[in-house]
Amino acid sequence: MLTIGEFSRVTRLSIKALRLYHAKGLLVPSSVDLRSRYRHYSRRDVERAMVIRRLQELGFSLREIKEIVTGCQDDVEIAEHVRAKLAEIRQTIKDYEGIRGNLRSFLDSVAETPASSRIHVAIEEIPESRIAGIRFRGRYDEVGTKFAALFRAAGRWAAGRPFSLYYDGEFKEEGADIEACVEVKKEIKAPDLSCRRLPGGKAATLLHYGPYEELGRSYQRLFEYCREHNLATQLPIRERYLKGPGLILKGNPRMFVTELMALISG
């Protein structure tokens, strides 16, 4: 028989851990002196302790280990528990990958604005992209709730900054035709969500700094430039939100940065 100190050295389990295992009925000493309360362990206890330590290394909780050592007779039976644990870990990894994607999206949304001070219209070639979008009719300030639903559906497959497509050629107080969009790495499916290729092309672009309520003056600059250069703008107009309200805090509207994009011909 081994004392608890000797048993601790043999099994490489701390005395604190051995007392916990005893209290939980996981590893009960072969004998306990009624007067001194000293614990003594047998060779069979050593074998059980080694099994417990190995199962801990495999990531099993004490509750799971107790179930295994109580109900399993050999490695074949233990293998079933290991398979179930492996499936659980795979699902946990998948869940954490989704969380990681959401965290990265959050960090992207609060990152510093790209090193650009462009406040004038520029002509750029916009590449085709795969997007997920939720199209609706309503008010312009309702697009935020659509983005929240969109990012929940897209999860870790979302890529880049969110943007809106505006299909009307005029301002509407109600019933505006709007689509909340985000680029995605692969095709996804969800209720009320459209996943497709968004055509690219030559576009007139401009960065707007400040609140959304002041977007009108930037649109004026964009449309005047196109008219001066005999460029016809095409619907839908795009607004890409480089820096705006966060997922948690609303932020300072004076710090918002919005990129206006209109495909052009001519």
Protein backbone atom coordinates (compact mmCIF):
# COMPACT_ATOMS: atom_id res chain seq x y z
CA MET A 1 0.00 0.00 0.00
CA LEU A 2 1.18 3.52 -0.77
CA THR A 3 0.72 6.67 1.27
CA ILE A 4 -0.89 9.63 -0.49
CA GLY A 5 2.53 11.28 -0.86
CA GLU A 6 4.05 8.17 -2.42
CA PHE A 7 1.01 7.67 -4.59
CA SER A 8 1.26 11.28 -5.74
CA ARG A 9 4.87 10.78 -6.82
CA VAL A 10 4.10 7.50 -8.61
CA THR A 11 1.08 8.82 -10.52
CA ARG A 12 2.36 12.39 -10.98
CA LEU A 13 -0.95 13.70 -9.60
CA SER A 14 -0.90 16.40 -6.93
CA ILE A 15 -2.24 15.67 -3.45
CA LYS A 16 -4.79 18.43 -4.00
CA ALA A 17 -6.02 16.63 -7.13
CA LEU A 18 -6.14 13.26 -5.34
CA ARG A 19 -8.27 14.72 -2.56
CA LEU A 20 -10.61 16.21 -5.17
CA TYR A 21 -10.90 12.87 -6.98
CA HIS A 22 -11.68 11.18 -3.66
CA ALA A 23 -14.37 13.74 -2.84
CA LYS A 24 -15.99 13.22 -6.26
CA GLY A 25 -15.85 9.43 -5.98
CA LEU A 26 -13.56 9.25 -8.99
CA LEU A 27 -10.54 7.71 -7.28
CA VAL A 28 -11.32 6.34 -3.83
CA PRO A 29 -8.31 5.08 -1.80
CA SER A 30 -8.26 1.37 -1.00
CA SER A 31 -8.22 2.24 2.69
CA VAL A 32 -8.57 5.29 4.93
CA ASP A 33 -7.45 5.26 8.57
CA LEU A 34 -10.51 6.20 10.63
CA ARG A 35 -8.47 8.04 13.27
CA SER A 36 -5.74 9.77 11.26
CA ARG A 37 -7.74 10.00 8.00
CA TYR A 38 -4.57 8.97 6.18
CA ARG A 39 -5.26 7.58 2.73
CA HIS A 40 -3.55 4.45 1.38
CA TYR A 41 -3.55 3.32 -2.23
CA SER A 42 -3.10 -0.08 -3.89
CA ARG A 43 -1.54 -1.18 -7.20
CA ARG A 44 -5.04 -1.24 -8.71
CA ASP A 45 -5.49 2.39 -7.64
CA VAL A 46 -2.30 3.23 -9.55
CA GLU A 47 -3.73 1.74 -12.75
CA ARG A 48 -6.97 3.67 -12.32
CA ALA A 49 -5.05 6.90 -11.67
CA MET A 50 -3.04 6.41 -14.87
CA VAL A 51 -6.27 5.98 -16.83
CA ILE A 52 -7.69 9.15 -15.29
CA ARG A 53 -4.59 11.16 -16.11
CA ARG A 54 -4.56 9.91 -19.70
CA LEU A 55 -8.25 10.79 -20.17
CA GLN A 56 -7.57 14.28 -18.79
CA GLU A 57 -4.81 14.68 -21.38
CA LEU A 58 -7.39 13.76 -24.04
CA GLY A 59 -9.59 16.64 -22.89
CA PHE A 60 -12.28 14.82 -20.92
CA SER A 61 -13.92 16.52 -17.92
CA LEU A 62 -13.97 14.87 -14.49
CA ARG A 63 -17.66 14.08 -14.95
CA GLU A 64 -16.94 12.37 -18.27
CA ILE A 65 -13.95 10.51 -16.83
CA LYS A 66 -16.03 9.16 -13.96
CA GLU A 67 -18.61 7.88 -16.44
CA ILE A 68 -15.89 6.20 -18.52
CA VAL A 69 -13.93 4.51 -15.71
CA THR A 70 -17.15 3.36 -14.07
CA GLY A 71 -18.85 1.97 -17.17
CA CYS A 72 -16.06 0.85 -19.52
CA GLN A 73 -14.21 -2.44 -19.35
CA ASP A 74 -11.68 -2.06 -22.18
CA ASP A 75 -10.27 0.30 -24.82
CA VAL A 76 -12.96 -0.62 -27.34
CA GLU A 77 -15.66 0.77 -25.07
CA ILE A 78 -13.54 3.83 -24.29
CA ALA A 79 -13.13 4.42 -28.05
CA GLU A 80 -16.86 5.20 -28.34
CA HIS A 81 -16.45 8.02 -25.82
CA VAL A 82 -13.38 9.25 -27.68
CA ARG A 83 -15.32 9.39 -30.97
CA ALA A 84 -18.09 11.37 -29.30
CA LYS A 85 -15.52 13.73 -27.79
CA LEU A 86 -13.89 14.21 -31.18
CA ALA A 87 -17.23 15.13 -32.75
CA GLU A 88 -17.85 17.60 -29.93
CA ILE A 89 -14.44 19.20 -30.47
CA ARG A 90 -15.06 19.50 -34.21
CA GLN A 91 -18.32 21.33 -33.53
CA THR A 92 -16.60 23.58 -30.99
CA ILE A 93 -13.91 24.45 -33.54
CA LYS A 94 -16.62 25.27 -36.09
CA ASP A 95 -18.40 27.48 -33.56
CA TYR A 96 -15.18 29.29 -32.69
CA GLU A 97 -14.36 29.81 -36.36
CA GLY A 98 -17.69 31.61 -36.67
CA ILE A 99 -16.90 33.70 -33.60
CA ARG A 100 -13.44 34.47 -35.01
CA GLY A 101 -15.01 35.68 -38.24
CA ASN A 102 -17.39 37.95 -36.34
CA LEU A 103 -14.52 39.31 -34.23
CA ARG A 104 -12.51 40.06 -37.36
CA SER A 105 -15.50 41.80 -38.92
CA PHE A 106 -15.84 43.91 -35.79
CA LEU A 107 -12.14 44.84 -35.85
CA ASP A 108 -12.40 45.70 -39.55
CA SER A 109 -15.34 47.96 -38.80
CA VAL A 110 -13.37 49.96 -36.21
CA ALA A 111 -10.04 49.92 -38.03
CA GLU A 112 -8.43 53.11 -39.09
CA THR A 113 -9.63 54.57 -42.38
CA PRO A 114 -7.32 53.64 -45.29
CA ALA A 115 -4.54 56.13 -45.83
CA SER A 116 -6.39 58.25 -48.33
CA SER A 117 -7.47 61.84 -48.27
CA ARG A 118 -9.39 61.69 -51.53
CA ILE A 119 -12.40 63.98 -51.39
CA HIS A 120 -12.69 64.49 -55.15
CA VAL A 121 -14.27 62.24 -57.74
CA ALA A 122 -12.07 59.50 -59.18
CA ILE A 123 -12.69 57.03 -62.00
CA GLU A 124 -11.95 53.44 -61.01
CA GLU A 125 -12.44 49.95 -62.37
CA ILE A 126 -14.70 48.05 -59.95
CA PRO A 127 -14.20 44.26 -60.11
CA GLU A 128 -17.05 41.77 -60.22
CA SER A 129 -17.72 40.25 -56.81
CA ARG A 130 -19.77 37.54 -55.12
CA ILE A 131 -22.24 39.12 -52.70
CA ALA A 132 -25.00 38.21 -50.31
CA GLY A 133 -27.81 40.73 -50.08
CA ILE A 134 -31.14 41.41 -48.42
CA ARG A 135 -33.38 43.59 -50.60
CA PHE A 136 -36.32 45.44 -49.08
CA ARG A 137 -38.56 48.47 -49.40
CA GLY A 138 -38.51 50.87 -46.51
CA ARG A 139 -36.68 53.82 -44.99
CA TYR A 140 -32.97 54.43 -45.39
CA ASP A 141 -32.35 54.19 -41.63
CA GLU A 142 -33.66 50.61 -41.63
CA VAL A 143 -30.62 49.29 -43.47
CA GLY A 144 -28.71 48.80 -40.20
CA THR A 145 -31.08 46.07 -39.02
CA LYS A 146 -30.70 44.35 -42.39
CA PHE A 147 -26.92 44.39 -42.03
CA ALA A 148 -27.23 42.73 -38.61
CA ALA A 149 -29.34 39.94 -40.12
CA LEU A 150 -26.99 39.69 -43.09
CA PHE A 151 -23.87 39.22 -40.97
CA ARG A 152 -25.62 36.63 -38.81
CA ALA A 153 -26.45 34.65 -41.95
CA ALA A 154 -23.06 35.11 -43.65
CA GLY A 155 -21.02 34.48 -40.48
CA ARG A 156 -17.37 33.70 -41.14
CA TRP A 157 -17.91 33.79 -44.92
CA ALA A 158 -18.46 37.57 -44.90
CA ALA A 159 -15.57 39.54 -46.42
CA GLY A 160 -14.92 43.26 -46.62
CA ARG A 161 -17.00 46.24 -45.63
CA PRO A 162 -20.80 46.27 -45.92
CA PHE A 163 -22.46 48.35 -48.62
CA SER A 164 -25.90 49.31 -49.87
CA LEU A 165 -27.37 49.25 -53.35
CA TYR A 166 -29.95 51.97 -54.04
CA TYR A 167 -32.22 51.14 -56.97
CA ASP A 168 -34.27 54.37 -57.04
CA GLY A 169 -33.23 57.33 -59.13
CA GLU A 170 -34.62 59.72 -56.50
CA PHE A 171 -34.87 60.23 -52.74
CA LYS A 172 -37.86 58.57 -51.08
CA GLU A 173 -39.02 59.11 -47.50
CA GLU A 174 -40.85 55.75 -47.50
CA GLY A 175 -40.72 52.65 -49.66
CA ALA A 176 -37.20 53.15 -50.96
CA ASP A 177 -35.84 50.17 -52.92
CA ILE A 178 -32.67 49.20 -51.01
CA GLU A 179 -30.40 46.18 -50.78
CA ALA A 180 -28.03 45.63 -47.83
CA CYS A 181 -24.99 43.71 -49.11
CA VAL A 182 -21.65 42.21 -48.15
CA GLU A 183 -19.09 40.32 -50.18
CA VAL A 184 -18.87 36.61 -49.30
CA LYS A 185 -16.16 34.00 -49.80
CA LYS A 186 -18.59 31.30 -50.93
CA GLU A 187 -22.24 30.94 -51.84
CA ILE A 188 -24.54 30.89 -48.82
CA LYS A 189 -28.24 30.21 -48.47
CA ALA A 190 -30.67 31.72 -45.98
CA PRO A 191 -34.29 32.95 -45.99
CA ASP A 192 -34.80 36.38 -47.65
CA LEU A 193 -31.14 36.42 -48.74
CA SER A 194 -29.86 36.59 -52.33
CA CYS A 195 -26.37 35.30 -53.14
CA ARG A 196 -25.06 36.14 -56.61
CA ARG A 197 -22.34 37.78 -58.70
CA LEU A 198 -22.48 41.58 -58.72
CA PRO A 199 -21.19 43.00 -62.03
CA GLY A 200 -18.24 45.34 -61.96
CA GLY A 201 -17.20 48.02 -64.41
CA LYS A 202 -15.94 51.56 -64.68
CA ALA A 203 -17.26 53.73 -61.85
CA ALA A 204 -17.12 57.26 -60.54
CA THR A 205 -16.21 57.16 -56.85
CA LEU A 206 -15.93 59.64 -54.03
CA LEU A 207 -15.24 59.48 -50.29
CA HIS A 208 -17.71 61.24 -48.02
CA TYR A 209 -16.51 62.22 -44.55
CA GLY A 210 -19.16 62.92 -41.93
CA PRO A 211 -22.78 62.08 -41.03
CA TYR A 212 -25.10 60.32 -43.43
CA GLU A 213 -27.44 63.32 -43.24
CA GLU A 214 -24.79 65.30 -45.18
CA LEU A 215 -24.38 62.79 -48.00
CA GLY A 216 -26.38 65.07 -50.31
CA ARG A 217 -23.49 67.46 -50.90
CA SER A 218 -21.18 64.58 -51.84
CA TYR A 219 -23.78 63.18 -54.25
CA GLN A 220 -24.03 66.65 -55.77
CA ARG A 221 -20.27 66.71 -56.37
CA LEU A 222 -20.40 63.20 -57.89
CA PHE A 223 -23.31 63.95 -60.25
CA GLU A 224 -21.91 67.33 -61.32
CA TYR A 225 -18.56 65.75 -62.16
CA CYS A 226 -20.23 63.09 -64.29
CA ARG A 227 -22.32 65.66 -66.13
CA GLU A 228 -19.28 67.86 -66.78
CA HIS A 229 -17.44 64.88 -68.28
CA ASN A 230 -20.41 63.51 -70.25
CA LEU A 231 -20.64 60.38 -68.13
CA ALA A 232 -24.01 58.70 -67.60
CA THR A 233 -24.49 57.13 -64.19
CA GLN A 234 -26.25 53.78 -63.86
CA LEU A 235 -28.45 52.37 -61.13
CA PRO A 236 -28.09 51.02 -58.57
CA ILE A 237 -25.89 53.55 -56.79
CA ARG A 238 -23.56 51.96 -54.23
CA GLU A 239 -22.65 53.21 -50.78
CA ARG A 240 -19.79 51.33 -49.09
CA TYR A 241 -19.38 52.00 -45.36
CA LEU A 242 -15.67 52.23 -44.60
CA LYS A 243 -16.31 53.59 -41.12
CA GLY A 244 -19.72 53.95 -39.54
CA PRO A 245 -21.79 52.90 -36.56
CA GLY A 246 -20.28 49.91 -34.80
CA LEU A 247 -21.94 46.65 -33.91
CA ILE A 248 -21.78 47.69 -30.25
CA LEU A 249 -21.30 51.48 -30.05
CA LYS A 250 -22.86 54.01 -32.42
CA GLY A 251 -19.66 56.03 -32.73
CA ASN A 252 -19.18 59.67 -33.70
CA PRO A 253 -20.99 60.54 -36.97
CA ARG A 254 -18.36 63.19 -37.73
CA MET A 255 -15.85 60.33 -38.10
CA PHE A 256 -17.94 58.27 -40.53
CA VAL A 257 -16.41 57.54 -43.93
CA THR A 258 -18.66 56.43 -46.81
CA GLU A 259 -17.56 55.62 -50.34
CA LEU A 260 -20.06 56.55 -53.05
CA MET A 261 -19.83 54.54 -56.27
CA ALA A 262 -21.80 54.87 -59.49
CA LEU A 263 -21.13 52.72 -62.54
CA ILE A 264 -20.77 54.95 -65.59
CA SER A 265 -20.92 54.85 -69.37
CA GLY A 266 -19.79 57.36 -71.89
